PDB file of N, CA and C in Angstrom:
ATOM      1  N   MET A   1      46.522  98.633  99.454  1.00  0.00           N
ATOM      2  CA  MET A   1      46.142  98.558  98.054  1.00  0.00           C
ATOM      3  C   MET A   1      47.234  99.234  97.228  1.00  0.00           C
ATOM      4  N   ILE A   2      47.392  98.737  96.004  1.00  0.00           N
ATOM      5  CA  ILE A   2      48.398  99.290  95.107  1.00  0.00           C
ATOM      6  C   ILE A   2      47.744  99.588  93.758  1.00  0.00           C
ATOM      7  N   GLU A   3      48.373 100.495  93.007  1.00  0.00           N
ATOM      8  CA  GLU A   3      47.834 100.838  91.689  1.00  0.00           C
ATOM      9  C   GLU A   3      48.038  99.683  90.717  1.00  0.00           C
ATOM     10  N   VAL A   4      47.057  99.456  89.886  1.00  0.00           N
ATOM     11  CA  VAL A   4      47.155  98.424  88.858  1.00  0.00           C
ATOM     12  C   VAL A   4      48.288  98.763  87.905  1.00  0.00           C
ATOM     13  N   CYS A   5      48.314  99.992  87.454  1.00  0.00           N
ATOM     14  CA  CYS A   5      49.341 100.490  86.557  1.00  0.00           C
ATOM     15  C   CYS A   5      49.689 101.890  87.061  1.00  0.00           C
ATOM     16  N   PRO A   6      50.975 102.223  87.224  1.00  0.00           N
ATOM     17  CA  PRO A   6      51.331 103.531  87.774  1.00  0.00           C
ATOM     18  C   PRO A   6      50.640 104.689  87.051  1.00  0.00           C
ATOM     19  N   GLY A   7      50.073 105.591  87.837  1.00  0.00           N
ATOM     20  CA  GLY A   7      49.395 106.756  87.294  1.00  0.00           C
ATOM     21  C   GLY A   7      47.942 106.533  86.910  1.00  0.00           C
ATOM     22  N   SER A   8      47.420 105.315  87.101  1.00  0.00           N
ATOM     23  CA  SER A   8      46.065 105.004  86.651  1.00  0.00           C
ATOM     24  C   SER A   8      44.987 105.419  87.639  1.00  0.00           C
ATOM     25  N   ASN A   9      45.340 105.569  88.918  1.00  0.00           N
ATOM     26  CA  ASN A   9      44.371 105.835  89.981  1.00  0.00           C
ATOM     27  C   ASN A   9      43.331 104.729  90.108  1.00  0.00           C
ATOM     28  N   VAL A  10      43.697 103.521  89.691  1.00  0.00           N
ATOM     29  CA  VAL A  10      42.868 102.333  89.865  1.00  0.00           C
ATOM     30  C   VAL A  10      43.670 101.395  90.754  1.00  0.00           C
ATOM     31  N   TYR A  11      43.052 100.950  91.849  1.00  0.00           N
ATOM     32  CA  TYR A  11      43.776 100.185  92.856  1.00  0.00           C
ATOM     33  C   TYR A  11      43.203  98.793  93.018  1.00  0.00           C
ATOM     34  N   TRP A  12      44.071  97.876  93.448  1.00  0.00           N
ATOM     35  CA  TRP A  12      43.654  96.535  93.785  1.00  0.00           C
ATOM     36  C   TRP A  12      44.464  96.051  94.969  1.00  0.00           C
ATOM     37  N   TYR A  13      43.976  94.969  95.583  1.00  0.00           N
ATOM     38  CA  TYR A  13      44.663  94.424  96.741  1.00  0.00           C
ATOM     39  C   TYR A  13      45.916  93.677  96.300  1.00  0.00           C
ATOM     40  N   LEU A  14      46.916  93.698  97.150  1.00  0.00           N
ATOM     41  CA  LEU A  14      48.164  93.011  96.859  1.00  0.00           C
ATOM     42  C   LEU A  14      47.925  91.524  96.586  1.00  0.00           C
ATOM     43  N   GLY A  15      46.992  90.916  97.317  1.00  0.00           N
ATOM     44  CA  GLY A  15      46.667  89.504  97.084  1.00  0.00           C
ATOM     45  C   GLY A  15      46.144  89.257  95.680  1.00  0.00           C
ATOM     46  N   ASN A  16      45.308  90.172  95.163  1.00  0.00           N
ATOM     47  CA  ASN A  16      44.803  90.035  93.785  1.00  0.00           C
ATOM     48  C   ASN A  16      45.943  90.161  92.786  1.00  0.00           C
ATOM     49  N   ARG A  17      46.847  91.105  93.046  1.00  0.00           N
ATOM     50  CA  ARG A  17      47.991  91.300  92.157  1.00  0.00           C
ATOM     51  C   ARG A  17      48.847  90.037  92.123  1.00  0.00           C
ATOM     52  N   ASN A  18      49.148  89.500  93.304  1.00  0.00           N
ATOM     53  CA  ASN A  18      49.989  88.301  93.367  1.00  0.00           C
ATOM     54  C   ASN A  18      49.319  87.114  92.687  1.00  0.00           C
ATOM     55  N   THR A  19      48.021  86.964  92.881  1.00  0.00           N
ATOM     56  CA  THR A  19      47.286  85.890  92.209  1.00  0.00           C
ATOM     57  C   THR A  19      47.361  86.060  90.700  1.00  0.00           C
ATOM     58  N   ALA A  20      47.155  87.288  90.233  1.00  0.00           N
ATOM     59  CA  ALA A  20      47.197  87.551  88.794  1.00  0.00           C
ATOM     60  C   ALA A  20      48.558  87.214  88.204  1.00  0.00           C
ATOM     61  N   LEU A  21      49.615  87.628  88.873  1.00  0.00           N
ATOM     62  CA  LEU A  21      50.943  87.438  88.307  1.00  0.00           C
ATOM     63  C   LEU A  21      51.482  86.026  88.506  1.00  0.00           C
ATOM     64  N   ASN A  22      51.028  85.327  89.528  1.00  0.00           N
ATOM     65  CA  ASN A  22      51.537  83.975  89.788  1.00  0.00           C
ATOM     66  C   ASN A  22      50.695  82.878  89.164  1.00  0.00           C
ATOM     67  N   ASN A  23      49.431  83.148  88.902  1.00  0.00           N
ATOM     68  CA  ASN A  23      48.533  82.094  88.424  1.00  0.00           C
ATOM     69  C   ASN A  23      48.080  82.266  86.984  1.00  0.00           C
ATOM     70  N   THR A  24      48.571  83.268  86.299  1.00  0.00           N
ATOM     71  CA  THR A  24      48.227  83.426  84.884  1.00  0.00           C
ATOM     72  C   THR A  24      49.500  83.238  84.069  1.00  0.00           C
ATOM     73  N   LYS A  25      49.403  82.400  83.065  1.00  0.00           N
ATOM     74  CA  LYS A  25      50.576  82.095  82.255  1.00  0.00           C
ATOM     75  C   LYS A  25      50.566  82.810  80.912  1.00  0.00           C
ATOM     76  N   THR A  26      49.405  83.266  80.494  1.00  0.00           N
ATOM     77  CA  THR A  26      49.323  83.968  79.213  1.00  0.00           C
ATOM     78  C   THR A  26      48.659  85.325  79.429  1.00  0.00           C
ATOM     79  N   ALA A  27      48.852  86.190  78.466  1.00  0.00           N
ATOM     80  CA  ALA A  27      48.225  87.505  78.546  1.00  0.00           C
ATOM     81  C   ALA A  27      46.702  87.389  78.514  1.00  0.00           C
ATOM     82  N   GLY A  28      46.181  86.405  77.796  1.00  0.00           N
ATOM     83  CA  GLY A  28      44.738  86.184  77.747  1.00  0.00           C
ATOM     84  C   GLY A  28      44.175  85.788  79.107  1.00  0.00           C
ATOM     85  N   GLU A  29      44.912  84.929  79.820  1.00  0.00           N
ATOM     86  CA  GLU A  29      44.483  84.552  81.163  1.00  0.00           C
ATOM     87  C   GLU A  29      44.509  85.759  82.094  1.00  0.00           C
ATOM     88  N   LEU A  30      45.527  86.599  81.932  1.00  0.00           N
ATOM     89  CA  LEU A  30      45.607  87.810  82.749  1.00  0.00           C
ATOM     90  C   LEU A  30      44.425  88.726  82.463  1.00  0.00           C
ATOM     91  N   ALA A  31      44.100  88.914  81.189  1.00  0.00           N
ATOM     92  CA  ALA A  31      42.970  89.771  80.824  1.00  0.00           C
ATOM     93  C   ALA A  31      41.668  89.244  81.432  1.00  0.00           C
ATOM     94  N   ALA A  32      41.459  87.943  81.374  1.00  0.00           N
ATOM     95  CA  ALA A  32      40.248  87.355  81.945  1.00  0.00           C
ATOM     96  C   ALA A  32      40.226  87.537  83.460  1.00  0.00           C
ATOM     97  N   PHE A  33      41.360  87.347  84.112  1.00  0.00           N
ATOM     98  CA  PHE A  33      41.428  87.533  85.558  1.00  0.00           C
ATOM     99  C   PHE A  33      41.127  88.980  85.932  1.00  0.00           C
ATOM    100  N   LEU A  34      41.696  89.931  85.188  1.00  0.00           N
ATOM    101  CA  LEU A  34      41.450  91.344  85.469  1.00  0.00           C
ATOM    102  C   LEU A  34      39.981  91.699  85.285  1.00  0.00           C
ATOM    103  N   MET A  35      39.353  91.183  84.237  1.00  0.00           N
ATOM    104  CA  MET A  35      37.927  91.450  84.016  1.00  0.00           C
ATOM    105  C   MET A  35      37.101  90.922  85.185  1.00  0.00           C
ATOM    106  N   ASP A  36      37.410  89.705  85.637  1.00  0.00           N
ATOM    107  CA  ASP A  36      36.678  89.115  86.764  1.00  0.00           C
ATOM    108  C   ASP A  36      36.936  89.860  88.063  1.00  0.00           C
ATOM    109  N   THR A  37      38.125  90.429  88.204  1.00  0.00           N
ATOM    110  CA  THR A  37      38.481  91.148  89.426  1.00  0.00           C
ATOM    111  C   THR A  37      37.758  92.486  89.519  1.00  0.00           C
ATOM    112  N   PHE A  38      37.681  93.206  88.407  1.00  0.00           N
ATOM    113  CA  PHE A  38      37.157  94.567  88.455  1.00  0.00           C
ATOM    114  C   PHE A  38      35.685  94.713  88.090  1.00  0.00           C
ATOM    115  N   PHE A  39      35.126  93.716  87.411  1.00  0.00           N
ATOM    116  CA  PHE A  39      33.735  93.825  86.987  1.00  0.00           C
ATOM    117  C   PHE A  39      32.969  92.583  87.413  1.00  0.00           C
ATOM    118  N   SER A  40      31.793  92.789  88.004  1.00  0.00           N
ATOM    119  CA  SER A  40      30.959  91.652  88.397  1.00  0.00           C
ATOM    120  C   SER A  40      30.370  90.998  87.145  1.00  0.00           C
ATOM    121  N   LYS A  41      29.942  89.776  87.293  1.00  0.00           N
ATOM    122  CA  LYS A  41      29.320  89.061  86.171  1.00  0.00           C
ATOM    123  C   LYS A  41      28.059  89.784  85.703  1.00  0.00           C
ATOM    124  N   GLU A  42      27.329  90.392  86.667  1.00  0.00           N
ATOM    125  CA  GLU A  42      26.121  91.138  86.314  1.00  0.00           C
ATOM    126  C   GLU A  42      26.458  92.348  85.441  1.00  0.00           C
ATOM    127  N   VAL A  43      27.520  93.066  85.789  1.00  0.00           N
ATOM    128  CA  VAL A  43      27.931  94.233  85.002  1.00  0.00           C
ATOM    129  C   VAL A  43      28.392  93.793  83.621  1.00  0.00           C
ATOM    130  N   MET A  44      29.197  92.736  83.566  1.00  0.00           N
ATOM    131  CA  MET A  44      29.699  92.279  82.264  1.00  0.00           C
ATOM    132  C   MET A  44      28.583  91.763  81.366  1.00  0.00           C
ATOM    133  N   ALA A  45      27.518  91.240  81.953  1.00  0.00           N
ATOM    134  CA  ALA A  45      26.406  90.708  81.160  1.00  0.00           C
ATOM    135  C   ALA A  45      25.653  91.795  80.412  1.00  0.00           C
ATOM    136  N   VAL A  46      25.689  93.030  80.908  1.00  0.00           N
ATOM    137  CA  VAL A  46      24.929  94.111  80.277  1.00  0.00           C
ATOM    138  C   VAL A  46      25.840  95.221  79.758  1.00  0.00           C
ATOM    139  N   SER A  47      27.132  94.907  79.577  1.00  0.00           N
ATOM    140  CA  SER A  47      28.096  95.935  79.177  1.00  0.00           C
ATOM    141  C   SER A  47      29.003  95.442  78.067  1.00  0.00           C
ATOM    142  N   ASN A  48      29.638  96.403  77.411  1.00  0.00           N
ATOM    143  CA  ASN A  48      30.730  96.092  76.486  1.00  0.00           C
ATOM    144  C   ASN A  48      31.725  97.252  76.524  1.00  0.00           C
ATOM    145  N   MET A  49      32.741  97.189  75.704  1.00  0.00           N
ATOM    146  CA  MET A  49      33.812  98.191  75.763  1.00  0.00           C
ATOM    147  C   MET A  49      33.333  99.597  75.409  1.00  0.00           C
ATOM    148  N   ASN A  50      32.413  99.715  74.472  1.00  0.00           N
ATOM    149  CA  ASN A  50      32.007 101.027  73.972  1.00  0.00           C
ATOM    150  C   ASN A  50      30.601 101.457  74.368  1.00  0.00           C
ATOM    151  N   GLY A  51      29.805 100.544  74.890  1.00  0.00           N
ATOM    152  CA  GLY A  51      28.420 100.873  75.197  1.00  0.00           C
ATOM    153  C   GLY A  51      27.575 100.877  73.937  1.00  0.00           C
ATOM    154  N   GLY A  52      26.295 101.051  74.111  1.00  0.00           N
ATOM    155  CA  GLY A  52      25.379 101.160  72.973  1.00  0.00           C
ATOM    156  C   GLY A  52      25.120  99.839  72.282  1.00  0.00           C
ATOM    157  N   GLY A  53      25.029  99.885  70.974  1.00  0.00           N
ATOM    158  CA  GLY A  53      24.705  98.697  70.195  1.00  0.00           C
ATOM    159  C   GLY A  53      23.212  98.451  70.175  1.00  0.00           C
ATOM    160  N   LYS A  54      22.804  97.435  69.472  1.00  0.00           N
ATOM    161  CA  LYS A  54      21.390  97.121  69.322  1.00  0.00           C
ATOM    162  C   LYS A  54      20.722  96.782  70.651  1.00  0.00           C
ATOM    163  N   LYS A  55      21.478  96.227  71.570  1.00  0.00           N
ATOM    164  CA  LYS A  55      20.899  95.816  72.846  1.00  0.00           C
ATOM    165  C   LYS A  55      21.042  96.880  73.927  1.00  0.00           C
ATOM    166  N   GLY A  56      21.608  98.038  73.588  1.00  0.00           N
ATOM    167  CA  GLY A  56      21.721  99.127  74.550  1.00  0.00           C
ATOM    168  C   GLY A  56      22.666  98.839  75.708  1.00  0.00           C
ATOM    169  N   TYR A  57      23.786  98.214  75.410  1.00  0.00           N
ATOM    170  CA  TYR A  57      24.744  97.895  76.462  1.00  0.00           C
ATOM    171  C   TYR A  57      25.284  99.147  77.149  1.00  0.00           C
ATOM    172  N   GLN A  58      25.663  98.979  78.397  1.00  0.00           N
ATOM    173  CA  GLN A  58      26.337 100.033  79.148  1.00  0.00           C
ATOM    174  C   GLN A  58      27.820 100.002  78.784  1.00  0.00           C
ATOM    175  N   LYS A  59      28.485 101.121  78.918  1.00  0.00           N
ATOM    176  CA  LYS A  59      29.914 101.186  78.664  1.00  0.00           C
ATOM    177  C   LYS A  59      30.663 100.832  79.945  1.00  0.00           C
ATOM    178  N   LEU A  60      31.654  99.930  79.829  1.00  0.00           N
ATOM    179  CA  LEU A  60      32.482  99.611  80.984  1.00  0.00           C
ATOM    180  C   LEU A  60      33.312 100.831  81.362  1.00  0.00           C
ATOM    181  N   ASN A  61      33.682 100.934  82.629  1.00  0.00           N
ATOM    182  CA  ASN A  61      34.423 102.087  83.141  1.00  0.00           C
ATOM    183  C   ASN A  61      35.738 102.252  82.376  1.00  0.00           C
ATOM    184  N   PRO A  62      35.895 103.353  81.618  1.00  0.00           N
ATOM    185  CA  PRO A  62      37.099 103.527  80.793  1.00  0.00           C
ATOM    186  C   PRO A  62      38.378 103.692  81.614  1.00  0.00           C
ATOM    187  N   THR A  63      38.293 104.235  82.817  1.00  0.00           N
ATOM    188  CA  THR A  63      39.478 104.375  83.660  1.00  0.00           C
ATOM    189  C   THR A  63      40.030 103.007  84.036  1.00  0.00           C
ATOM    190  N   ILE A  64      39.130 102.107  84.418  1.00  0.00           N
ATOM    191  CA  ILE A  64      39.555 100.756  84.774  1.00  0.00           C
ATOM    192  C   ILE A  64      40.083 100.020  83.544  1.00  0.00           C
ATOM    193  N   LEU A  65      39.408 100.164  82.410  1.00  0.00           N
ATOM    194  CA  LEU A  65      39.861  99.499  81.186  1.00  0.00           C
ATOM    195  C   LEU A  65      41.255  99.967  80.784  1.00  0.00           C
ATOM    196  N   ASN A  66      41.523 101.263  80.882  1.00  0.00           N
ATOM    197  CA  ASN A  66      42.841 101.778  80.528  1.00  0.00           C
ATOM    198  C   ASN A  66      43.919 101.258  81.468  1.00  0.00           C
ATOM    199  N   ALA A  67      43.613 101.149  82.759  1.00  0.00           N
ATOM    200  CA  ALA A  67      44.568 100.586  83.715  1.00  0.00           C
ATOM    201  C   ALA A  67      44.842  99.117  83.377  1.00  0.00           C
ATOM    202  N   MET A  68      43.789  98.387  83.003  1.00  0.00           N
ATOM    203  CA  MET A  68      43.952  96.983  82.628  1.00  0.00           C
ATOM    204  C   MET A  68      44.804  96.856  81.373  1.00  0.00           C
ATOM    205  N   ARG A  69      44.594  97.740  80.412  1.00  0.00           N
ATOM    206  CA  ARG A  69      45.399  97.704  79.181  1.00  0.00           C
ATOM    207  C   ARG A  69      46.870  97.940  79.500  1.00  0.00           C
ATOM    208  N   GLY A  70      47.137  98.884  80.395  1.00  0.00           N
ATOM    209  CA  GLY A  70      48.522  99.160  80.778  1.00  0.00           C
ATOM    210  C   GLY A  70      49.170  97.951  81.422  1.00  0.00           C
ATOM    211  N   LYS A  71      48.472  97.267  82.317  1.00  0.00           N
ATOM    212  CA  LYS A  71      49.008  96.082  82.979  1.00  0.00           C
ATOM    213  C   LYS A  71      49.183  94.959  81.968  1.00  0.00           C
ATOM    214  N   TYR A  72      48.214  94.784  81.091  1.00  0.00           N
ATOM    215  CA  TYR A  72      48.248  93.732  80.073  1.00  0.00           C
ATOM    216  C   TYR A  72      49.444  93.936  79.146  1.00  0.00           C
ATOM    217  N   MET A  73      49.680  95.176  78.704  1.00  0.00           N
ATOM    218  CA  MET A  73      50.781  95.456  77.784  1.00  0.00           C
ATOM    219  C   MET A  73      52.123  95.198  78.453  1.00  0.00           C
ATOM    220  N   LYS A  74      52.261  95.624  79.693  1.00  0.00           N
ATOM    221  CA  LYS A  74      53.511  95.404  80.431  1.00  0.00           C
ATOM    222  C   LYS A  74      53.761  93.902  80.583  1.00  0.00           C
ATOM    223  N   TYR A  75      52.736  93.154  80.946  1.00  0.00           N
ATOM    224  CA  TYR A  75      52.832  91.709  81.144  1.00  0.00           C
ATOM    225  C   TYR A  75      53.164  91.015  79.827  1.00  0.00           C
ATOM    226  N   SER A  76      52.518  91.411  78.742  1.00  0.00           N
ATOM    227  CA  SER A  76      52.738  90.790  77.435  1.00  0.00           C
ATOM    228  C   SER A  76      54.169  90.982  76.967  1.00  0.00           C
ATOM    229  N   ARG A  77      54.703  92.196  77.116  1.00  0.00           N
ATOM    230  CA  ARG A  77      56.082  92.459  76.697  1.00  0.00           C
ATOM    231  C   ARG A  77      57.059  91.596  77.483  1.00  0.00           C
ATOM    232  N   LYS A  78      56.816  91.433  78.783  1.00  0.00           N
ATOM    233  CA  LYS A  78      57.722  90.625  79.598  1.00  0.00           C
ATOM    234  C   LYS A  78      57.640  89.153  79.206  1.00  0.00           C
ATOM    235  N   LEU A  79      56.445  88.663  78.889  1.00  0.00           N
ATOM    236  CA  LEU A  79      56.323  87.274  78.445  1.00  0.00           C
ATOM    237  C   LEU A  79      57.084  87.052  77.135  1.00  0.00           C
ATOM    238  N   LEU A  80      56.949  87.988  76.214  1.00  0.00           N
ATOM    239  CA  LEU A  80      57.619  87.854  74.921  1.00  0.00           C
ATOM    240  C   LEU A  80      59.121  87.885  75.051  1.00  0.00           C
ATOM    241  N   ASN A  81      59.634  88.635  76.012  1.00  0.00           N
ATOM    242  CA  ASN A  81      61.077  88.788  76.181  1.00  0.00           C
ATOM    243  C   ASN A  81      61.650  87.892  77.275  1.00  0.00           C
ATOM    244  N   ASN A  82      60.836  86.986  77.812  1.00  0.00           N
ATOM    245  CA  ASN A  82      61.263  86.087  78.890  1.00  0.00           C
ATOM    246  C   ASN A  82      61.866  86.831  80.074  1.00  0.00           C
ATOM    247  N   VAL A  83      61.258  87.953  80.429  1.00  0.00           N
ATOM    248  CA  VAL A  83      61.700  88.759  81.571  1.00  0.00           C
ATOM    249  C   VAL A  83      60.881  88.351  82.782  1.00  0.00           C
ATOM    250  N   PRO A  84      61.519  88.182  83.954  1.00  0.00           N
ATOM    251  CA  PRO A  84      60.735  87.874  85.159  1.00  0.00           C
ATOM    252  C   PRO A  84      59.699  88.956  85.427  1.00  0.00           C
ATOM    253  N   ILE A  85      58.536  88.547  85.861  1.00  0.00           N
ATOM    254  CA  ILE A  85      57.439  89.476  86.138  1.00  0.00           C
ATOM    255  C   ILE A  85      57.472  89.871  87.602  1.00  0.00           C
ATOM    256  N   GLU A  86      57.493  91.188  87.868  1.00  0.00           N
ATOM    257  CA  GLU A  86      57.511  91.636  89.273  1.00  0.00           C
ATOM    258  C   GLU A  86      56.130  91.868  89.790  1.00  0.00           C
TER     259      GLU A  86
END
């Protein structure tokens, strides 16, 4: 397993990483893939980014969300600059 974003302490399998980087062409596709990888459909159905609200949603794990943001930002910058993605 490898870290999603260095220093995040959130890990994923190398196969998931390769799938994410080889099969997503936009940052939006990457974000959707990361959400599906780290959160089950059941968790996402009763959660949101901040928790609470009128329906009493649960808060998604902030450690995982921050790691996803770091990966998303790195990926987005490389797409904008036409840099190969490692």
